[in-house]
Amino acid sequence: MLENISTVYTEKVPLDNIEKTDGITVNLALDPAFLKIAPGSRDKITVQYAVKERLK
């Protein structure tokens, strides 16, 4: 089953308050819904993001 999975999604990450490079811990959004995390495994991941200043 895992051979056919190429992408793992997370819950939505709010972008409206991001002002600096940081990270946020979010839950996994398993799809199809019958997928389950193995006992003892983490069901959250940390998304790291970088904020760069726009050139004017």
C-alpha atoms as a PDB file:
ATOM      1  CA  MET A   1       0.000   0.000   0.000  1.00  0.00           C
ATOM      2  CA  LEU A   2       2.780   2.473   0.885  1.00  0.00           C
ATOM      3  CA  GLU A   3       4.409   1.981  -2.512  1.00  0.00           C
ATOM      4  CA  ASN A   4       1.545   3.930  -4.073  1.00  0.00           C
ATOM      5  CA  ILE A   5       1.811   6.925  -1.698  1.00  0.00           C
ATOM      6  CA  SER A   6       4.057   9.714  -2.958  1.00  0.00           C
ATOM      7  CA  THR A   7       2.720  12.629  -0.885  1.00  0.00           C
ATOM      8  CA  VAL A   8       1.729  13.003   2.754  1.00  0.00           C
ATOM      9  CA  TYR A   9      -0.511  15.952   3.584  1.00  0.00           C
ATOM     10  CA  THR A  10      -0.866  17.942   6.797  1.00  0.00           C
ATOM     11  CA  GLU A  11      -3.639  19.991   8.281  1.00  0.00           C
ATOM     12  CA  LYS A  12      -3.837  23.507   6.889  1.00  0.00           C
ATOM     13  CA  VAL A  13      -1.029  25.823   7.953  1.00  0.00           C
ATOM     14  CA  PRO A  14      -2.235  29.393   8.581  1.00  0.00           C
ATOM     15  CA  LEU A  15      -0.070  31.819   6.602  1.00  0.00           C
ATOM     16  CA  ASP A  16      -1.609  35.157   7.575  1.00  0.00           C
ATOM     17  CA  ASN A  17       0.553  35.751  10.682  1.00  0.00           C
ATOM     18  CA  ILE A  18       3.897  34.534   9.347  1.00  0.00           C
ATOM     19  CA  GLU A  19       6.463  37.333   9.525  1.00  0.00           C
ATOM     20  CA  LYS A  20       9.801  35.577  10.080  1.00  0.00           C
ATOM     21  CA  THR A  21      11.533  32.280   9.375  1.00  0.00           C
ATOM     22  CA  ASP A  22      10.285  29.697  11.857  1.00  0.00           C
ATOM     23  CA  GLY A  23       8.459  26.395  12.104  1.00  0.00           C
ATOM     24  CA  ILE A  24       5.118  25.034  13.224  1.00  0.00           C
ATOM     25  CA  THR A  25       4.051  21.591  14.414  1.00  0.00           C
ATOM     26  CA  VAL A  26       0.997  20.266  12.589  1.00  0.00           C
ATOM     27  CA  ASN A  27      -1.040  17.085  12.472  1.00  0.00           C
ATOM     28  CA  LEU A  28      -0.878  14.728   9.523  1.00  0.00           C
ATOM     29  CA  ALA A  29      -3.988  14.595   7.328  1.00  0.00           C
ATOM     30  CA  LEU A  30      -4.137  10.966   6.326  1.00  0.00           C
ATOM     31  CA  ASP A  31      -5.767  10.289   2.988  1.00  0.00           C
ATOM     32  CA  PRO A  32      -7.294   7.903   2.337  1.00  0.00           C
ATOM     33  CA  ALA A  33      -8.876   8.104   5.774  1.00  0.00           C
ATOM     34  CA  PHE A  34      -8.359   4.391   6.486  1.00  0.00           C
ATOM     35  CA  LEU A  35      -4.603   4.944   6.799  1.00  0.00           C
ATOM     36  CA  LYS A  36      -3.473   4.901  10.424  1.00  0.00           C
ATOM     37  CA  ILE A  37      -0.233   5.835  12.183  1.00  0.00           C
ATOM     38  CA  ALA A  38       1.554   2.844  13.727  1.00  0.00           C
ATOM     39  CA  PRO A  39       1.309   2.624  17.523  1.00  0.00           C
ATOM     40  CA  GLY A  40       4.175   4.518  19.128  1.00  0.00           C
ATOM     41  CA  SER A  41       4.747   6.651  16.014  1.00  0.00           C
ATOM     42  CA  ARG A  42       4.292  10.399  15.892  1.00  0.00           C
ATOM     43  CA  ASP A  43       1.191  11.790  14.212  1.00  0.00           C
ATOM     44  CA  LYS A  44       2.602  15.318  13.966  1.00  0.00           C
ATOM     45  CA  ILE A  45       5.431  16.839  11.971  1.00  0.00           C
ATOM     46  CA  THR A  46       7.291  20.120  12.137  1.00  0.00           C
ATOM     47  CA  VAL A  47       7.006  22.266   9.024  1.00  0.00           C
ATOM     48  CA  GLN A  48       9.976  24.615   8.677  1.00  0.00           C
ATOM     49  CA  TYR A  49       9.528  27.704   6.539  1.00  0.00           C
ATOM     50  CA  ALA A  50      11.792  30.547   5.442  1.00  0.00           C
ATOM     51  CA  VAL A  51      10.631  34.124   4.967  1.00  0.00           C
ATOM     52  CA  LYS A  52      12.602  36.253   2.543  1.00  0.00           C
ATOM     53  CA  GLU A  53      12.259  39.985   2.063  1.00  0.00           C
ATOM     54  CA  ARG A  54      10.706  41.004  -1.242  1.00  0.00           C
ATOM     55  CA  LEU A  55      12.863  43.019  -3.570  1.00  0.00           C
ATOM     56  CA  LYS A  56      11.262  46.320  -4.467  1.00  0.00           C
END
